[in-house]
C-alpha atoms as a PDB file:
ATOM      1  CA  MET A   1     102.171 107.964 129.128  1.00  0.00           C
ATOM      2  CA  SER A   2     101.028 104.928 127.407  1.00  0.00           C
ATOM      3  CA  LYS A   3     103.291 103.039 124.992  1.00  0.00           C
ATOM      4  CA  VAL A   4     102.073 103.579 121.600  1.00  0.00           C
ATOM      5  CA  ALA A   5     101.871 100.505 119.069  1.00  0.00           C
ATOM      6  CA  LEU A   6     101.621 100.252 115.515  1.00  0.00           C
ATOM      7  CA  ILE A   7     100.127  97.476 113.622  1.00  0.00           C
ATOM      8  CA  THR A   8     100.379  96.634 110.133  1.00  0.00           C
ATOM      9  CA  ASN A   9      97.394  93.961 108.617  1.00  0.00           C
ATOM     10  CA  ILE A  10      95.482  94.727 111.660  1.00  0.00           C
ATOM     11  CA  THR A  11      92.342  93.206 110.411  1.00  0.00           C
ATOM     12  CA  GLY A  12      94.010  90.005 109.982  1.00  0.00           C
ATOM     13  CA  GLN A  13      93.733  87.196 112.527  1.00  0.00           C
ATOM     14  CA  ASP A  14      97.086  88.109 114.466  1.00  0.00           C
ATOM     15  CA  GLY A  15      96.290  91.778 114.100  1.00  0.00           C
ATOM     16  CA  SER A  16      92.859  91.910 115.634  1.00  0.00           C
ATOM     17  CA  TYR A  17      94.008  89.538 118.687  1.00  0.00           C
ATOM     18  CA  LEU A  18      97.154  91.639 119.124  1.00  0.00           C
ATOM     19  CA  THR A  19      94.774  94.634 119.143  1.00  0.00           C
ATOM     20  CA  GLU A  20      92.910  93.287 122.055  1.00  0.00           C
ATOM     21  CA  LEU A  21      95.915  92.170 123.985  1.00  0.00           C
ATOM     22  CA  LEU A  22      97.530  95.639 123.672  1.00  0.00           C
ATOM     23  CA  LEU A  23      94.826  97.984 124.312  1.00  0.00           C
ATOM     24  CA  LYS A  24      93.953  95.641 127.616  1.00  0.00           C
ATOM     25  CA  LYS A  25      97.290  96.718 128.510  1.00  0.00           C
ATOM     26  CA  GLY A  26      97.028 100.300 128.121  1.00  0.00           C
ATOM     27  CA  TYR A  27      98.695 100.801 124.600  1.00  0.00           C
ATOM     28  CA  THR A  28      97.622 103.680 122.266  1.00  0.00           C
ATOM     29  CA  VAL A  29      97.032 101.303 119.330  1.00  0.00           C
ATOM     30  CA  HIS A  30      97.174 102.579 115.298  1.00  0.00           C
ATOM     31  CA  GLY A  31      96.628 100.049 112.806  1.00  0.00           C
ATOM     32  CA  ILE A  32      96.993  99.976 108.944  1.00  0.00           C
ATOM     33  CA  ILE A  33      94.387  98.001 107.056  1.00  0.00           C
ATOM     34  CA  LEU A  34      96.722  96.483 103.979  1.00  0.00           C
ATOM     35  CA  HIS A  35      94.306  94.255 101.938  1.00  0.00           C
ATOM     36  CA  SER A  36      90.830  95.469 102.538  1.00  0.00           C
ATOM     37  CA  PRO A  37      89.147  98.917 101.943  1.00  0.00           C
ATOM     38  CA  ALA A  38      87.229  99.079 105.182  1.00  0.00           C
ATOM     39  CA  LEU A  39      87.442  97.780 108.680  1.00  0.00           C
ATOM     40  CA  ASN A  40      86.588  94.114 109.077  1.00  0.00           C
ATOM     41  CA  THR A  41      84.388  94.108 112.141  1.00  0.00           C
ATOM     42  CA  GLU A  42      84.403  90.542 112.092  1.00  0.00           C
ATOM     43  CA  SER A  43      88.027  90.587 112.913  1.00  0.00           C
ATOM     44  CA  VAL A  44      88.329  93.465 114.677  1.00  0.00           C
ATOM     45  CA  SER A  45      85.165  93.309 117.532  1.00  0.00           C
ATOM     46  CA  GLU A  46      83.347  96.630 117.210  1.00  0.00           C
ATOM     47  CA  GLU A  47      83.757  97.582 120.725  1.00  0.00           C
ATOM     48  CA  LEU A  48      87.539  97.982 120.224  1.00  0.00           C
ATOM     49  CA  HIS A  49      87.341 100.532 117.460  1.00  0.00           C
ATOM     50  CA  LYS A  50      83.887 102.464 117.983  1.00  0.00           C
ATOM     51  CA  ASN A  51      84.659 105.680 119.946  1.00  0.00           C
ATOM     52  CA  ASN A  52      87.943 104.368 121.279  1.00  0.00           C
ATOM     53  CA  PRO A  53      90.472 107.320 121.560  1.00  0.00           C
ATOM     54  CA  ASN A  54      93.331 104.745 122.089  1.00  0.00           C
ATOM     55  CA  PHE A  55      92.681 103.009 118.892  1.00  0.00           C
ATOM     56  CA  CYS A  56      92.949 104.754 115.161  1.00  0.00           C
ATOM     57  CA  ILE A  57      93.207 103.092 111.853  1.00  0.00           C
ATOM     58  CA  HIS A  58      94.951 104.061 108.662  1.00  0.00           C
ATOM     59  CA  PRO A  59      93.836 102.737 105.453  1.00  0.00           C
ATOM     60  CA  TYR A  60      96.598 101.920 103.410  1.00  0.00           C
ATOM     61  CA  ASN A  61      95.093 103.296 100.082  1.00  0.00           C
ATOM     62  CA  GLN A  62      95.614 106.694 101.542  1.00  0.00           C
ATOM     63  CA  GLY A  63      98.718 108.190 100.042  1.00  0.00           C
ATOM     64  CA  GLU A  64     100.615 109.088 102.936  1.00  0.00           C
ATOM     65  CA  ILE A  65     100.449 105.541 104.313  1.00  0.00           C
ATOM     66  CA  SER A  66     101.938 103.976 101.156  1.00  0.00           C
ATOM     67  CA  ASN A  67     105.040 105.743 102.387  1.00  0.00           C
ATOM     68  CA  PRO A  68     105.361 104.373 106.226  1.00  0.00           C
ATOM     69  CA  ALA A  69     107.914 107.319 107.122  1.00  0.00           C
ATOM     70  CA  ALA A  70     104.814 109.634 107.217  1.00  0.00           C
ATOM     71  CA  LEU A  71     103.127 107.822 109.218  1.00  0.00           C
ATOM     72  CA  LEU A  72     105.859 107.076 111.735  1.00  0.00           C
ATOM     73  CA  ALA A  73     106.693 110.692 111.637  1.00  0.00           C
ATOM     74  CA  LEU A  74     103.131 111.616 113.253  1.00  0.00           C
ATOM     75  CA  ILE A  75     102.708 108.893 115.582  1.00  0.00           C
ATOM     76  CA  ARG A  76     106.552 107.943 116.698  1.00  0.00           C
ATOM     77  CA  PRO A  77     105.600 104.453 117.854  1.00  0.00           C
ATOM     78  CA  ASP A  78     107.219 102.596 120.767  1.00  0.00           C
ATOM     79  CA  GLU A  79     106.495  99.116 118.965  1.00  0.00           C
ATOM     80  CA  ILE A  80     105.706  98.254 115.422  1.00  0.00           C
ATOM     81  CA  TYR A  81     104.227  95.008 114.966  1.00  0.00           C
ATOM     82  CA  HIS A  82     104.724  94.058 111.046  1.00  0.00           C
ATOM     83  CA  LEU A  83     102.219  91.263 110.089  1.00  0.00           C
ATOM     84  CA  ASP A  84     102.413  91.914 106.254  1.00  0.00           C
ATOM     85  CA  ILE A  85     102.394  88.361 105.129  1.00  0.00           C
ATOM     86  CA  ILE A  86     100.545  87.578 102.077  1.00  0.00           C
ATOM     87  CA  SER A  87     100.431  83.949 101.419  1.00  0.00           C
ATOM     88  CA  GLY A  88     100.367  82.796  97.976  1.00  0.00           C
ATOM     89  CA  THR A  89     101.430  85.953  96.199  1.00  0.00           C
ATOM     90  CA  ALA A  90     103.813  85.528  93.332  1.00  0.00           C
ATOM     91  CA  ALA A  91     107.203  86.896  94.582  1.00  0.00           C
ATOM     92  CA  HIS A  92     107.876  89.667  91.802  1.00  0.00           C
ATOM     93  CA  SER A  93     104.561  91.242  93.122  1.00  0.00           C
ATOM     94  CA  THR A  94     105.266  91.239  96.915  1.00  0.00           C
ATOM     95  CA  LEU A  95     108.737  92.539  96.360  1.00  0.00           C
ATOM     96  CA  SER A  96     107.439  95.544  94.223  1.00  0.00           C
ATOM     97  CA  GLY A  97     105.649  96.541  96.777  1.00  0.00           C
ATOM     98  CA  THR A  98     101.834  95.328  96.920  1.00  0.00           C
ATOM     99  CA  GLY A  99     102.546  95.542 101.155  1.00  0.00           C
ATOM    100  CA  ILE A 100     104.825  97.404 103.221  1.00  0.00           C
ATOM    101  CA  SER A 101     108.300  95.407 103.114  1.00  0.00           C
ATOM    102  CA  ALA A 102     110.592  94.942 105.981  1.00  0.00           C
ATOM    103  CA  LEU A 103     113.042  96.954 104.292  1.00  0.00           C
ATOM    104  CA  ARG A 104     110.751 100.141 103.736  1.00  0.00           C
ATOM    105  CA  MET A 105     109.304 100.041 107.521  1.00  0.00           C
ATOM    106  CA  LEU A 106     112.749  99.706 108.854  1.00  0.00           C
ATOM    107  CA  GLU A 107     114.259 102.596 106.668  1.00  0.00           C
ATOM    108  CA  ALA A 108     111.439 104.459 107.901  1.00  0.00           C
ATOM    109  CA  ILE A 109     112.638 104.096 111.155  1.00  0.00           C
ATOM    110  CA  ARG A 110     116.063 105.077 110.540  1.00  0.00           C
ATOM    111  CA  SER A 111     114.802 108.097 108.489  1.00  0.00           C
ATOM    112  CA  GLN A 112     112.796 109.392 111.240  1.00  0.00           C
ATOM    113  CA  GLY A 113     115.591 109.062 113.799  1.00  0.00           C
ATOM    114  CA  LEU A 114     113.695 106.100 115.928  1.00  0.00           C
ATOM    115  CA  GLU A 115     116.673 103.742 115.835  1.00  0.00           C
ATOM    116  CA  HIS A 116     116.936 103.748 119.506  1.00  0.00           C
ATOM    117  CA  LYS A 117     113.205 104.239 120.461  1.00  0.00           C
ATOM    118  CA  THR A 118     111.176 102.021 118.066  1.00  0.00           C
ATOM    119  CA  ARG A 119     111.035  98.045 118.657  1.00  0.00           C
ATOM    120  CA  TYR A 120     110.188  96.262 115.214  1.00  0.00           C
ATOM    121  CA  TYR A 121     108.410  92.858 115.498  1.00  0.00           C
ATOM    122  CA  HIS A 122     108.564  91.027 111.929  1.00  0.00           C
ATOM    123  CA  ALA A 123     105.937  88.141 111.293  1.00  0.00           C
ATOM    124  CA  SER A 124     107.867  85.194 109.457  1.00  0.00           C
ATOM    125  CA  SER A 125     106.059  81.953 108.340  1.00  0.00           C
ATOM    126  CA  SER A 126     107.217  78.637 108.948  1.00  0.00           C
ATOM    127  CA  ALA A 127     107.171  78.262 105.118  1.00  0.00           C
ATOM    128  CA  LEU A 128     110.483  79.901 105.065  1.00  0.00           C
ATOM    129  CA  CYS A 129     111.593  76.243 106.519  1.00  0.00           C
ATOM    130  CA  GLY A 130     110.993  74.840 103.165  1.00  0.00           C
ATOM    131  CA  LEU A 131     110.884  71.099 102.370  1.00  0.00           C
ATOM    132  CA  VAL A 132     113.239  69.832 105.442  1.00  0.00           C
ATOM    133  CA  ASN A 133     111.134  66.585 106.329  1.00  0.00           C
ATOM    134  CA  GLY A 134     112.419  64.867 109.413  1.00  0.00           C
ATOM    135  CA  MET A 135     113.780  67.963 110.650  1.00  0.00           C
ATOM    136  CA  SER A 136     112.749  69.761 113.961  1.00  0.00           C
ATOM    137  CA  ILE A 137     112.968  73.405 113.367  1.00  0.00           C
ATOM    138  CA  ASN A 138     114.719  76.082 115.738  1.00  0.00           C
ATOM    139  CA  GLU A 139     116.346  79.445 115.266  1.00  0.00           C
ATOM    140  CA  MET A 140     119.450  78.219 113.604  1.00  0.00           C
ATOM    141  CA  VAL A 141     117.309  76.578 110.596  1.00  0.00           C
ATOM    142  CA  THR A 142     118.892  77.218 107.275  1.00  0.00           C
ATOM    143  CA  PHE A 143     115.940  78.172 104.871  1.00  0.00           C
ATOM    144  CA  ASN A 144     115.880  76.156 101.785  1.00  0.00           C
ATOM    145  CA  GLN A 145     112.441  76.928 100.471  1.00  0.00           C
ATOM    146  CA  PRO A 146     112.366  76.562  96.720  1.00  0.00           C
ATOM    147  CA  PHE A 147     108.925  78.225  95.935  1.00  0.00           C
ATOM    148  CA  ALA A 148     108.798  81.620  94.691  1.00  0.00           C
ATOM    149  CA  ASP A 149     105.835  82.637  96.630  1.00  0.00           C
ATOM    150  CA  VAL A 150     107.854  83.102  99.835  1.00  0.00           C
ATOM    151  CA  VAL A 151     111.147  84.493  98.430  1.00  0.00           C
ATOM    152  CA  ALA A 152     110.092  88.028  99.512  1.00  0.00           C
ATOM    153  CA  GLN A 153     109.417  86.486 102.992  1.00  0.00           C
ATOM    154  CA  ILE A 154     112.939  85.318 103.186  1.00  0.00           C
ATOM    155  CA  SER A 155     114.178  88.853 101.986  1.00  0.00           C
ATOM    156  CA  ASP A 156     112.112  90.170 104.922  1.00  0.00           C
ATOM    157  CA  PHE A 157     113.428  87.964 107.597  1.00  0.00           C
ATOM    158  CA  TRP A 158     117.554  88.803 106.565  1.00  0.00           C
ATOM    159  CA  THR A 159     116.641  92.422 106.114  1.00  0.00           C
ATOM    160  CA  ALA A 160     115.377  92.478 109.848  1.00  0.00           C
ATOM    161  CA  VAL A 161     118.321  90.912 110.873  1.00  0.00           C
ATOM    162  CA  ASN A 162     120.774  92.935 108.829  1.00  0.00           C
ATOM    163  CA  TYR A 163     119.232  96.283 110.353  1.00  0.00           C
ATOM    164  CA  ARG A 164     119.620  94.625 113.738  1.00  0.00           C
ATOM    165  CA  GLU A 165     123.216  94.162 113.601  1.00  0.00           C
ATOM    166  CA  THR A 166     123.985  96.739 111.313  1.00  0.00           C
ATOM    167  CA  PHE A 167     122.113  99.799 112.832  1.00  0.00           C
ATOM    168  CA  GLY A 168     121.313  98.492 116.185  1.00  0.00           C
ATOM    169  CA  ILE A 169     117.595  98.816 115.699  1.00  0.00           C
ATOM    170  CA  PHE A 170     115.598  96.347 118.050  1.00  0.00           C
ATOM    171  CA  ALA A 171     114.321  93.930 115.417  1.00  0.00           C
ATOM    172  CA  CYS A 172     112.868  90.682 115.927  1.00  0.00           C
ATOM    173  CA  ASN A 173     111.564  87.814 113.824  1.00  0.00           C
ATOM    174  CA  GLY A 174     108.953  85.596 114.700  1.00  0.00           C
ATOM    175  CA  ILE A 175     109.065  82.203 112.928  1.00  0.00           C
ATOM    176  CA  LEU A 176     105.408  81.788 113.501  1.00  0.00           C
ATOM    177  CA  PHE A 177     104.141  77.700 112.789  1.00  0.00           C
ATOM    178  CA  ASN A 178     100.320  76.937 112.380  1.00  0.00           C
ATOM    179  CA  HIS A 179      98.172  79.387 114.586  1.00  0.00           C
ATOM    180  CA  GLU A 180      94.296  79.126 114.220  1.00  0.00           C
ATOM    181  CA  SER A 181      91.129  80.618 115.566  1.00  0.00           C
ATOM    182  CA  PRO A 182      87.381  81.419 114.560  1.00  0.00           C
ATOM    183  CA  ARG A 183      88.807  84.459 112.881  1.00  0.00           C
ATOM    184  CA  ARG A 184      91.175  82.321 110.633  1.00  0.00           C
ATOM    185  CA  SER A 185      90.441  83.004 107.053  1.00  0.00           C
ATOM    186  CA  GLU A 186      88.171  80.186 105.181  1.00  0.00           C
ATOM    187  CA  ASN A 187      91.321  79.648 102.723  1.00  0.00           C
ATOM    188  CA  PHE A 188      92.906  77.890 105.441  1.00  0.00           C
ATOM    189  CA  VAL A 189      92.365  74.094 105.925  1.00  0.00           C
ATOM    190  CA  THR A 190      91.610  74.397 109.602  1.00  0.00           C
ATOM    191  CA  ARG A 191      88.639  76.568 108.643  1.00  0.00           C
ATOM    192  CA  LYS A 192      87.709  74.593 105.871  1.00  0.00           C
ATOM    193  CA  ILE A 193      87.133  71.923 108.027  1.00  0.00           C
ATOM    194  CA  THR A 194      85.247  73.325 111.087  1.00  0.00           C
ATOM    195  CA  ARG A 195      83.027  75.287 108.612  1.00  0.00           C
ATOM    196  CA  GLY A 196      82.169  72.530 106.145  1.00  0.00           C
ATOM    197  CA  LEU A 197      81.352  69.954 108.960  1.00  0.00           C
ATOM    198  CA  ALA A 198      79.587  72.468 110.889  1.00  0.00           C
ATOM    199  CA  ASN A 199      77.569  73.319 107.174  1.00  0.00           C
ATOM    200  CA  ILE A 200      76.985  69.659 106.845  1.00  0.00           C
ATOM    201  CA  THR A 201      74.888  69.207 110.225  1.00  0.00           C
ATOM    202  CA  GLN A 202      72.747  72.150 108.841  1.00  0.00           C
ATOM    203  CA  GLY A 203      72.213  70.716 105.292  1.00  0.00           C
ATOM    204  CA  LEU A 204      74.026  73.198 103.779  1.00  0.00           C
ATOM    205  CA  GLU A 205      76.654  70.680 102.188  1.00  0.00           C
ATOM    206  CA  LYS A 206      77.207  67.183 101.602  1.00  0.00           C
ATOM    207  CA  CYS A 207      80.678  66.420 101.944  1.00  0.00           C
ATOM    208  CA  LEU A 208      84.025  67.880 103.063  1.00  0.00           C
ATOM    209  CA  TYR A 209      86.552  67.559 100.483  1.00  0.00           C
ATOM    210  CA  LEU A 210      90.164  67.795 101.323  1.00  0.00           C
ATOM    211  CA  GLY A 211      94.025  66.442 100.512  1.00  0.00           C
ATOM    212  CA  ASN A 212      96.383  64.496 102.174  1.00  0.00           C
ATOM    213  CA  LEU A 213      94.836  63.661 105.586  1.00  0.00           C
ATOM    214  CA  ASN A 214      98.007  62.329 106.899  1.00  0.00           C
ATOM    215  CA  ALA A 215      99.813  65.474 107.051  1.00  0.00           C
ATOM    216  CA  LEU A 216     101.166  66.512 110.406  1.00  0.00           C
ATOM    217  CA  ARG A 217     101.046  70.028 111.248  1.00  0.00           C
ATOM    218  CA  ASP A 218     101.553  71.803 114.739  1.00  0.00           C
ATOM    219  CA  TRP A 219      98.640  74.079 115.480  1.00  0.00           C
ATOM    220  CA  GLY A 220      98.213  76.827 118.152  1.00  0.00           C
ATOM    221  CA  HIS A 221      95.602  79.500 118.953  1.00  0.00           C
ATOM    222  CA  ALA A 222      96.525  83.025 117.524  1.00  0.00           C
ATOM    223  CA  ARG A 223      95.354  84.252 120.820  1.00  0.00           C
ATOM    224  CA  ASP A 224      98.582  82.751 122.560  1.00  0.00           C
ATOM    225  CA  TYR A 225     101.027  83.193 119.686  1.00  0.00           C
ATOM    226  CA  VAL A 226     100.270  87.283 119.782  1.00  0.00           C
ATOM    227  CA  LYS A 227     101.095  87.413 123.578  1.00  0.00           C
ATOM    228  CA  MET A 228     104.690  85.824 122.432  1.00  0.00           C
ATOM    229  CA  GLN A 229     104.868  88.669 119.867  1.00  0.00           C
ATOM    230  CA  TRP A 230     104.297  91.038 122.844  1.00  0.00           C
ATOM    231  CA  LEU A 231     106.891  89.396 124.992  1.00  0.00           C
ATOM    232  CA  MET A 232     109.853  89.404 122.316  1.00  0.00           C
ATOM    233  CA  LEU A 233     109.822  93.298 122.455  1.00  0.00           C
ATOM    234  CA  GLN A 234     109.904  93.414 126.273  1.00  0.00           C
ATOM    235  CA  GLN A 235     113.248  91.857 126.276  1.00  0.00           C
ATOM    236  CA  ASP A 236     116.659  93.445 126.978  1.00  0.00           C
ATOM    237  CA  LYS A 237     117.979  92.598 123.511  1.00  0.00           C
ATOM    238  CA  PRO A 238     116.197  91.631 120.239  1.00  0.00           C
ATOM    239  CA  GLU A 239     116.643  88.032 119.097  1.00  0.00           C
ATOM    240  CA  ASP A 240     114.696  85.743 116.953  1.00  0.00           C
ATOM    241  CA  PHE A 241     112.081  83.159 118.035  1.00  0.00           C
ATOM    242  CA  VAL A 242     110.206  80.030 116.887  1.00  0.00           C
ATOM    243  CA  ILE A 243     106.829  80.357 117.802  1.00  0.00           C
ATOM    244  CA  ALA A 244     104.778  76.764 118.037  1.00  0.00           C
ATOM    245  CA  THR A 245     103.448  74.181 120.324  1.00  0.00           C
ATOM    246  CA  GLY A 246     105.674  71.462 119.566  1.00  0.00           C
ATOM    247  CA  VAL A 247     103.297  68.922 119.288  1.00  0.00           C
ATOM    248  CA  GLN A 248     101.820  67.677 115.811  1.00  0.00           C
ATOM    249  CA  PHE A 249      98.546  66.339 115.042  1.00  0.00           C
ATOM    250  CA  THR A 250      97.539  64.863 111.326  1.00  0.00           C
ATOM    251  CA  VAL A 251      94.781  66.810 109.546  1.00  0.00           C
ATOM    252  CA  ARG A 252      92.485  63.528 110.192  1.00  0.00           C
ATOM    253  CA  GLN A 253      92.810  63.904 113.785  1.00  0.00           C
ATOM    254  CA  PHE A 254      91.845  67.667 113.528  1.00  0.00           C
ATOM    255  CA  VAL A 255      88.567  66.300 111.333  1.00  0.00           C
ATOM    256  CA  THR A 256      88.118  63.549 113.882  1.00  0.00           C
ATOM    257  CA  PHE A 257      88.245  66.515 116.862  1.00  0.00           C
ATOM    258  CA  ALA A 258      85.991  68.843 115.054  1.00  0.00           C
ATOM    259  CA  ALA A 259      83.385  65.705 114.176  1.00  0.00           C
ATOM    260  CA  LEU A 260      83.192  64.845 117.747  1.00  0.00           C
ATOM    261  CA  GLU A 261      82.396  68.404 118.845  1.00  0.00           C
ATOM    262  CA  LEU A 262      79.647  68.146 116.526  1.00  0.00           C
ATOM    263  CA  GLY A 263      78.335  64.914 117.964  1.00  0.00           C
ATOM    264  CA  ILE A 264      79.445  62.736 115.045  1.00  0.00           C
ATOM    265  CA  LYS A 265      81.950  59.890 115.554  1.00  0.00           C
ATOM    266  CA  LEU A 266      83.748  59.197 112.290  1.00  0.00           C
ATOM    267  CA  ARG A 267      85.518  55.750 111.090  1.00  0.00           C
ATOM    268  CA  PHE A 268      87.863  56.416 108.070  1.00  0.00           C
ATOM    269  CA  ILE A 269      87.960  53.584 105.225  1.00  0.00           C
ATOM    270  CA  GLY A 270      90.433  53.271 102.243  1.00  0.00           C
ATOM    271  CA  LYS A 271      93.658  54.815 101.516  1.00  0.00           C
ATOM    272  CA  GLY A 272      95.277  57.800  99.864  1.00  0.00           C
ATOM    273  CA  VAL A 273      92.782  59.016  97.338  1.00  0.00           C
ATOM    274  CA  GLU A 274      90.100  56.459  98.014  1.00  0.00           C
ATOM    275  CA  GLU A 275      90.082  57.307 101.944  1.00  0.00           C
ATOM    276  CA  LYS A 276      86.622  58.349 103.290  1.00  0.00           C
ATOM    277  CA  GLY A 277      85.324  59.662 106.454  1.00  0.00           C
ATOM    278  CA  VAL A 278      82.075  57.627 107.175  1.00  0.00           C
ATOM    279  CA  ILE A 279      79.671  58.284 110.207  1.00  0.00           C
ATOM    280  CA  ALA A 280      79.766  55.424 112.778  1.00  0.00           C
ATOM    281  CA  ALA A 281      77.410  56.988 115.206  1.00  0.00           C
ATOM    282  CA  ILE A 282      75.475  60.202 116.185  1.00  0.00           C
ATOM    283  CA  ILE A 283      75.711  61.114 119.676  1.00  0.00           C
ATOM    284  CA  SER A 284      74.024  64.538 119.571  1.00  0.00           C
ATOM    285  CA  PRO A 285      71.077  66.328 118.334  1.00  0.00           C
ATOM    286  CA  VAL A 286      73.055  68.709 116.559  1.00  0.00           C
ATOM    287  CA  ALA A 287      73.644  66.064 113.582  1.00  0.00           C
ATOM    288  CA  ALA A 288      70.325  64.741 113.992  1.00  0.00           C
ATOM    289  CA  ALA A 289      69.825  65.149 110.444  1.00  0.00           C
ATOM    290  CA  LEU A 290      72.530  62.851 109.106  1.00  0.00           C
ATOM    291  CA  LYS A 291      72.308  58.962 109.473  1.00  0.00           C
ATOM    292  CA  VAL A 292      74.954  56.203 110.467  1.00  0.00           C
ATOM    293  CA  GLY A 293      76.852  55.148 107.370  1.00  0.00           C
ATOM    294  CA  ASP A 294      76.815  58.600 105.328  1.00  0.00           C
ATOM    295  CA  VAL A 295      80.216  59.717 103.753  1.00  0.00           C
ATOM    296  CA  ILE A 296      80.743  63.160 104.731  1.00  0.00           C
ATOM    297  CA  VAL A 297      84.733  63.327 104.404  1.00  0.00           C
ATOM    298  CA  ALA A 298      86.533  62.359 101.094  1.00  0.00           C
ATOM    299  CA  VAL A 299      89.643  63.140  99.486  1.00  0.00           C
ATOM    300  CA  ASP A 300      90.032  65.215  96.329  1.00  0.00           C
ATOM    301  CA  PRO A 301      93.171  64.700  94.386  1.00  0.00           C
ATOM    302  CA  ARG A 302      92.877  68.454  93.250  1.00  0.00           C
ATOM    303  CA  TYR A 303      93.856  69.189  97.068  1.00  0.00           C
ATOM    304  CA  LEU A 304      96.944  67.112  97.387  1.00  0.00           C
ATOM    305  CA  ARG A 305     100.142  68.966  97.107  1.00  0.00           C
ATOM    306  CA  PRO A 306     103.122  67.747  94.795  1.00  0.00           C
ATOM    307  CA  ALA A 307     105.415  68.593  97.592  1.00  0.00           C
ATOM    308  CA  GLU A 308     103.828  68.529 100.627  1.00  0.00           C
ATOM    309  CA  VAL A 309     105.882  68.963 103.891  1.00  0.00           C
ATOM    310  CA  CYS A 310     104.628  66.239 105.978  1.00  0.00           C
ATOM    311  CA  LYS A 311     107.154  65.632 108.868  1.00  0.00           C
ATOM    312  CA  VAL A 312     108.384  68.885 109.735  1.00  0.00           C
ATOM    313  CA  SER A 313     108.209  69.451 113.669  1.00  0.00           C
ATOM    314  CA  ALA A 314     108.968  72.961 115.451  1.00  0.00           C
ATOM    315  CA  ASN A 315     111.010  73.371 118.727  1.00  0.00           C
ATOM    316  CA  PRO A 316     109.942  76.160 120.820  1.00  0.00           C
ATOM    317  CA  SER A 317     112.427  75.473 123.461  1.00  0.00           C
ATOM    318  CA  LYS A 318     113.986  78.928 123.364  1.00  0.00           C
ATOM    319  CA  ALA A 319     110.602  80.732 123.873  1.00  0.00           C
ATOM    320  CA  ARG A 320     109.949  78.624 127.071  1.00  0.00           C
ATOM    321  CA  ARG A 321     113.500  79.049 128.191  1.00  0.00           C
ATOM    322  CA  GLN A 322     113.932  82.497 127.554  1.00  0.00           C
ATOM    323  CA  LEU A 323     110.430  84.368 127.781  1.00  0.00           C
ATOM    324  CA  GLY A 324     108.530  81.755 129.891  1.00  0.00           C
ATOM    325  CA  TRP A 325     105.994  81.126 127.061  1.00  0.00           C
ATOM    326  CA  ALA A 326     104.215  78.388 126.802  1.00  0.00           C
ATOM    327  CA  PRO A 327     100.581  77.873 124.540  1.00  0.00           C
ATOM    328  CA  GLU A 328      97.470  77.803 127.120  1.00  0.00           C
ATOM    329  CA  THR A 329      95.092  76.503 124.673  1.00  0.00           C
ATOM    330  CA  SER A 330      95.159  72.789 123.599  1.00  0.00           C
ATOM    331  CA  LEU A 331      94.267  71.676 120.144  1.00  0.00           C
ATOM    332  CA  GLN A 332      91.025  70.235 121.345  1.00  0.00           C
ATOM    333  CA  ASP A 333      89.985  73.522 123.022  1.00  0.00           C
ATOM    334  CA  LEU A 334      90.961  75.282 119.756  1.00  0.00           C
ATOM    335  CA  VAL A 335      88.854  73.132 117.889  1.00  0.00           C
ATOM    336  CA  ILE A 336      85.889  73.423 120.082  1.00  0.00           C
ATOM    337  CA  GLU A 337      86.097  77.203 119.734  1.00  0.00           C
ATOM    338  CA  MET A 338      86.176  77.179 116.106  1.00  0.00           C
ATOM    339  CA  VAL A 339      83.586  74.687 115.675  1.00  0.00           C
ATOM    340  CA  GLN A 340      81.035  76.583 117.871  1.00  0.00           C
ATOM    341  CA  ALA A 341      81.540  80.035 115.749  1.00  0.00           C
ATOM    342  CA  ASP A 342      81.208  78.134 112.545  1.00  0.00           C
ATOM    343  CA  LEU A 343      78.192  76.180 113.913  1.00  0.00           C
ATOM    344  CA  ALA A 344      76.635  79.349 115.160  1.00  0.00           C
ATOM    345  CA  SER A 345      76.726  80.913 111.366  1.00  0.00           C
ATOM    346  CA  ALA A 346      75.656  77.763 109.900  1.00  0.00           C
ATOM    347  CA  LYS A 347      72.520  77.654 111.887  1.00  0.00           C
ATOM    348  CA  LYS A 348      71.944  81.388 110.953  1.00  0.00           C
ATOM    349  CA  ALA A 349      72.590  80.416 107.201  1.00  0.00           C
ATOM    350  CA  ALA A 350      70.161  77.435 107.321  1.00  0.00           C
ATOM    351  CA  ARG A 351      67.455  79.804 109.019  1.00  0.00           C
ATOM    352  CA  LEU A 352      68.040  82.420 106.463  1.00  0.00           C
ATOM    353  CA  LYS A 353      67.720  79.471 103.536  1.00  0.00           C
ATOM    354  CA  LEU A 354      64.409  78.049 105.122  1.00  0.00           C
ATOM    355  CA  TYR A 355      62.513  81.172 105.947  1.00  0.00           C
ATOM    356  CA  GLY A 356      64.202  83.641 103.176  1.00  0.00           C
END
């Protein structure tokens, strides 16, 4: 018999890649849609959910799903991947139940007598690490995050640890650093960059406005990171892991890579809020409508964070050592994939604008 997996927030970036991975491995996959009323076919490809007997969706707005115990009693999953992270949500809203907290899910496992059957993965964010500039983050980090919007995430992390140590549930936390893909929300800076620059080449936008171009981030591909999530639940004992590449790039470097994929060489002039990205050369017909000297990147003070984390680095050596995991996609290849997807969308939008 195939394993049964339950994925929360299945229409998100991680949920969609994880669905593809598990179905290829022969799992039966059940997914909860937490934050949208209908399946987002841009995130979960149509061939996965159409006429697939091993894939079932459970909208969160159905009463029985608001209490996960009812669903667990029905499907009795071997693995649960709890991906319910809501960035930017007020702590009191998250704690009061806008999503399914770790406590509700873990208590549902207990109430259904699944402590020794069901393995639980909890998606934790690198935002938990707070303002620890100059520090290399590993699994022993002490959370010192001062912002209210991640209080609930810290609570969920320690809830998973508590249920693991107190009740013997196989519960793991994955502390995920930035992971991107063409399925990333446009609210995140990577998609803002690739989408914005692609739109500029097609005449849909004039300039890309960003915040701190010096900010350093550890960027990996979500497709690689969900493999790590699966590996965590295949181990003999439950442990927490940092998921990251261990390599950092600046926002400016990400912009440079994306521009090059579109046939644009940039040079940056000025400093701080006066810094601008100017076209130094056009090396591809994709950007033929632009000209050397055009300013297509600028800093907008509204996007500068008052407490920017600039020097936080991740140490994923435990994952490499114990799980044999290493990212398969370089940042340059990730950028190419994202740019090409956004360029295709930009060309389509430009045609619609031109021909109606």
